[in-house]
Amino acid sequence: MRVKICGITSAKDALRAVHAGADAVGFIFYPKSPRYITPKNAKKISLLLPPFVQKIGVFVNESPKNIDKICKKAGLNLAQLHFDVDEKFLSKLKTPHIKVVRAKQKSDILKCKDKYRLIDAFTDNYGGEGKSVDLSWFDEIDCSKIILAGGLNASMLENIKHFGFYGVDVNSSVELSHGKKDAQKMYDFIKSAKN
């Protein structure tokens, strides 16, 4: 299972995440988030990361033009779209991207079912609150193109491996405080996901 550590705000945390085995790190470019980072600071961190580690920008209510501009400036590989977008919007986007489904009910997780997508629990604040989706929704569903987010922690990962998720995305449960990661929690989470 691939692992993304999201809400990175410092080089120290990014390098610790990578050292622990993270496949990707996420930078949040939503100004209302307590984990917001500027493109300039994200670029400084990106330059320190080894090859093959994905650098992902998280966006809320941004235009395709701004998303492309920020991703280029910060040296990112992928845009994570944490808001509702249509095909017209996506056609204007030059940056590779993944859609986030903010699920309120089981039928929501079937949206974009033929594409890779990230499934997160619906929150008014666009995530980062540790809220989980109902895991029973994934019974008898092909999860091979789903990245699961929301309320995940190391101890529960053993209970979700049978679903066969492509990956997991974690933020608040590996923090000391908003935007400050706990090295041991990151290590424990990644070890649990990879074993």
Protein backbone atom coordinates (compact mmCIF):
# COMPACT_ATOMS: atom_id res chain seq x y z
CA MET A 1 0.00 0.00 0.00
CA ARG A 2 1.38 3.40 -0.98
CA VAL A 3 1.52 6.10 1.69
CA LYS A 4 1.21 9.87 1.41
CA ILE A 5 2.01 12.08 4.40
CA CYS A 6 0.02 15.26 3.92
CA GLY A 7 0.14 18.71 5.49
CA ILE A 8 3.93 19.03 5.29
CA THR A 9 5.15 22.50 6.32
CA SER A 10 8.86 21.93 7.04
CA ALA A 11 11.87 20.29 5.42
CA LYS A 12 12.56 18.39 8.62
CA ASP A 13 9.14 16.73 8.57
CA ALA A 14 9.33 16.01 4.84
CA LEU A 15 12.71 14.30 5.15
CA ARG A 16 11.58 12.34 8.20
CA ALA A 17 8.50 11.15 6.28
CA VAL A 18 10.65 10.02 3.35
CA HIS A 19 13.17 8.35 5.66
CA ALA A 20 10.28 6.45 7.27
CA GLY A 21 9.24 5.18 3.84
CA ALA A 22 6.59 7.61 2.54
CA ASP A 23 5.92 7.37 -1.20
CA ALA A 24 4.55 10.91 -1.38
CA VAL A 25 4.34 14.14 0.60
CA GLY A 26 1.53 16.64 0.37
CA PHE A 27 1.58 20.43 0.53
CA ILE A 28 -1.65 22.27 1.27
CA PHE A 29 -2.23 25.46 -0.72
CA TYR A 30 -5.60 26.29 0.85
CA PRO A 31 -5.07 29.57 2.79
CA LYS A 32 -7.76 28.73 5.37
CA SER A 33 -5.96 25.54 6.41
CA PRO A 34 -3.77 25.63 9.54
CA ARG A 35 -1.31 23.58 7.44
CA TYR A 36 -1.10 26.11 4.61
CA ILE A 37 2.29 26.56 2.95
CA THR A 38 3.39 29.09 0.37
CA PRO A 39 4.55 27.86 -3.05
CA LYS A 40 7.97 29.40 -2.34
CA ASN A 41 8.42 27.38 0.88
CA ALA A 42 7.07 24.22 -0.76
CA LYS A 43 9.66 24.64 -3.52
CA LYS A 44 12.49 24.85 -0.95
CA ILE A 45 11.34 21.56 0.54
CA SER A 46 10.74 19.89 -2.85
CA LEU A 47 14.33 20.54 -3.88
CA LEU A 48 15.58 18.55 -0.88
CA LEU A 49 13.54 15.42 -1.60
CA PRO A 50 15.05 12.39 -3.33
CA PRO A 51 13.91 11.22 -6.76
CA PHE A 52 10.85 8.97 -7.02
CA VAL A 53 9.12 10.66 -4.08
CA GLN A 54 5.90 12.22 -5.32
CA LYS A 55 5.33 15.87 -4.43
CA ILE A 56 1.62 16.64 -4.35
CA GLY A 57 -0.22 19.94 -4.04
CA VAL A 58 -3.63 20.00 -2.36
CA PHE A 59 -6.03 22.61 -3.74
CA VAL A 60 -9.46 23.95 -2.78
CA ASN A 61 -11.47 26.29 -5.02
CA GLU A 62 -8.57 27.34 -7.23
CA SER A 63 -8.63 27.99 -10.98
CA PRO A 64 -6.83 25.67 -13.39
CA LYS A 65 -4.45 28.52 -14.23
CA ASN A 66 -3.50 29.06 -10.57
CA ILE A 67 -3.12 25.34 -9.92
CA ASP A 68 -0.75 24.99 -12.88
CA LYS A 69 1.19 28.08 -11.82
CA ILE A 70 1.61 26.94 -8.20
CA CYS A 71 2.56 23.37 -9.15
CA LYS A 72 5.20 24.62 -11.56
CA LYS A 73 6.57 27.15 -9.08
CA ALA A 74 6.72 24.61 -6.23
CA GLY A 75 8.15 21.78 -8.36
CA LEU A 76 5.21 19.40 -7.84
CA ASN A 77 4.27 16.21 -9.69
CA LEU A 78 0.54 16.12 -9.06
CA ALA A 79 -2.45 18.29 -8.07
CA GLN A 80 -4.96 16.87 -5.60
CA LEU A 81 -8.32 18.55 -6.26
CA HIS A 82 -10.22 18.73 -2.99
CA PHE A 83 -13.31 20.39 -4.48
CA ASP A 84 -15.95 19.62 -7.09
CA VAL A 85 -14.70 19.99 -10.65
CA ASP A 86 -16.20 19.07 -14.01
CA GLU A 87 -14.64 17.83 -17.24
CA LYS A 88 -14.44 21.36 -18.65
CA PHE A 89 -12.32 22.38 -15.64
CA LEU A 90 -10.07 19.33 -16.00
CA SER A 91 -9.57 19.95 -19.72
CA LYS A 92 -7.98 23.33 -18.88
CA LEU A 93 -5.59 21.81 -16.34
CA LYS A 94 -2.10 21.02 -17.62
CA THR A 95 -0.82 19.46 -14.38
CA PRO A 96 -1.43 15.72 -13.76
CA HIS A 97 -4.16 15.48 -11.13
CA ILE A 98 -6.30 13.30 -8.91
CA LYS A 99 -9.84 14.05 -7.83
CA VAL A 100 -10.99 13.86 -4.23
CA VAL A 101 -14.43 12.44 -3.48
CA ARG A 102 -15.74 13.94 -0.25
CA ALA A 103 -18.08 11.09 0.63
CA LYS A 104 -21.33 11.57 2.52
CA GLN A 105 -22.84 8.21 1.56
CA LYS A 106 -21.87 4.89 0.01
CA SER A 107 -22.95 5.88 -3.50
CA ASP A 108 -20.38 8.70 -3.45
CA ILE A 109 -17.45 6.30 -3.44
CA LEU A 110 -18.53 4.92 -6.81
CA LYS A 111 -18.01 8.30 -8.48
CA CYS A 112 -15.15 8.19 -11.00
CA LYS A 113 -14.93 4.44 -10.34
CA ASP A 114 -12.82 3.79 -13.42
CA LYS A 115 -10.17 6.31 -12.36
CA TYR A 116 -7.75 6.63 -9.50
CA ARG A 117 -9.34 8.83 -6.84
CA LEU A 118 -8.95 9.77 -3.22
CA ILE A 119 -11.90 9.07 -0.92
CA ASP A 120 -12.21 11.29 2.15
CA ALA A 121 -15.01 11.87 4.63
CA PHE A 122 -17.06 14.97 3.91
CA THR A 123 -16.25 17.92 6.19
CA ASP A 124 -17.12 21.58 5.82
CA ASN A 125 -13.42 22.43 6.18
CA TYR A 126 -12.19 20.16 3.37
CA GLY A 127 -10.48 17.52 5.53
CA GLY A 128 -7.77 17.54 8.17
CA GLU A 129 -10.24 16.84 10.97
CA GLY A 130 -9.61 13.12 11.45
CA LYS A 131 -13.14 12.17 10.34
CA SER A 132 -13.51 8.68 8.81
CA VAL A 133 -15.77 7.26 6.16
CA ASP A 134 -17.81 4.18 7.02
CA LEU A 135 -15.53 1.27 6.10
CA SER A 136 -18.51 -1.01 5.44
CA TRP A 137 -19.13 1.06 2.31
CA PHE A 138 -16.11 -0.63 0.72
CA ASP A 139 -17.40 -4.19 1.14
CA GLU A 140 -17.53 -5.93 -2.26
CA ILE A 141 -16.13 -2.84 -4.04
CA ASP A 142 -13.00 -2.83 -6.20
CA CYS A 143 -10.68 -0.60 -4.15
CA SER A 144 -7.58 -1.02 -6.31
CA LYS A 145 -7.86 2.56 -7.62
CA ILE A 146 -8.84 4.14 -4.31
CA ILE A 147 -6.59 6.11 -1.96
CA LEU A 148 -8.26 6.24 1.44
CA ALA A 149 -8.02 9.32 3.66
CA GLY A 150 -9.69 10.59 6.81
CA GLY A 151 -9.28 9.42 10.39
CA LEU A 152 -6.58 6.86 9.67
CA ASN A 153 -4.03 5.74 12.24
CA ALA A 154 -1.42 2.99 12.50
CA SER A 155 -3.51 0.68 14.68
CA MET A 156 -6.45 0.54 12.27
CA LEU A 157 -4.49 -0.17 9.10
CA GLU A 158 -4.44 -3.91 9.71
CA ASN A 159 -8.25 -3.84 9.56
CA ILE A 160 -8.37 -2.24 6.11
CA LYS A 161 -5.70 -4.17 4.22
CA HIS A 162 -8.15 -6.79 2.96
CA PHE A 163 -9.93 -4.09 0.93
CA GLY A 164 -6.87 -3.75 -1.32
CA PHE A 165 -6.67 0.03 -1.41
CA TYR A 166 -4.06 1.48 -3.76
CA GLY A 167 -2.89 3.76 -0.99
CA VAL A 168 -3.59 5.77 2.14
CA ASP A 169 -3.26 9.48 2.85
CA VAL A 170 -2.67 10.62 6.43
CA ASN A 171 -2.38 14.01 8.08
CA SER A 172 -3.75 14.83 11.53
CA SER A 173 -3.12 11.48 13.23
CA VAL A 174 0.65 11.76 12.68
CA GLU A 175 0.91 15.29 14.06
CA LEU A 176 2.15 16.86 17.27
CA SER A 177 0.11 19.96 16.37
CA HIS A 178 -1.31 21.48 13.16
CA GLY A 179 1.44 21.29 10.55
CA LYS A 180 4.04 19.75 12.89
CA LYS A 181 4.60 16.03 12.39
CA ASP A 182 5.53 13.42 14.98
CA ALA A 183 8.44 11.33 13.64
CA GLN A 184 7.49 8.20 15.62
CA LYS A 185 3.84 8.36 14.57
CA MET A 186 4.86 8.70 10.92
CA TYR A 187 7.23 5.75 11.24
CA ASP A 188 4.61 3.58 12.97
CA PHE A 189 1.95 4.47 10.40
CA ILE A 190 4.15 3.76 7.40
CA LYS A 191 5.51 0.54 8.90
CA SER A 192 1.97 -0.67 9.54
CA ALA A 193 0.88 0.23 5.99
CA LYS A 194 3.85 -1.44 4.32
CA ASN A 195 3.97 -4.70 6.37
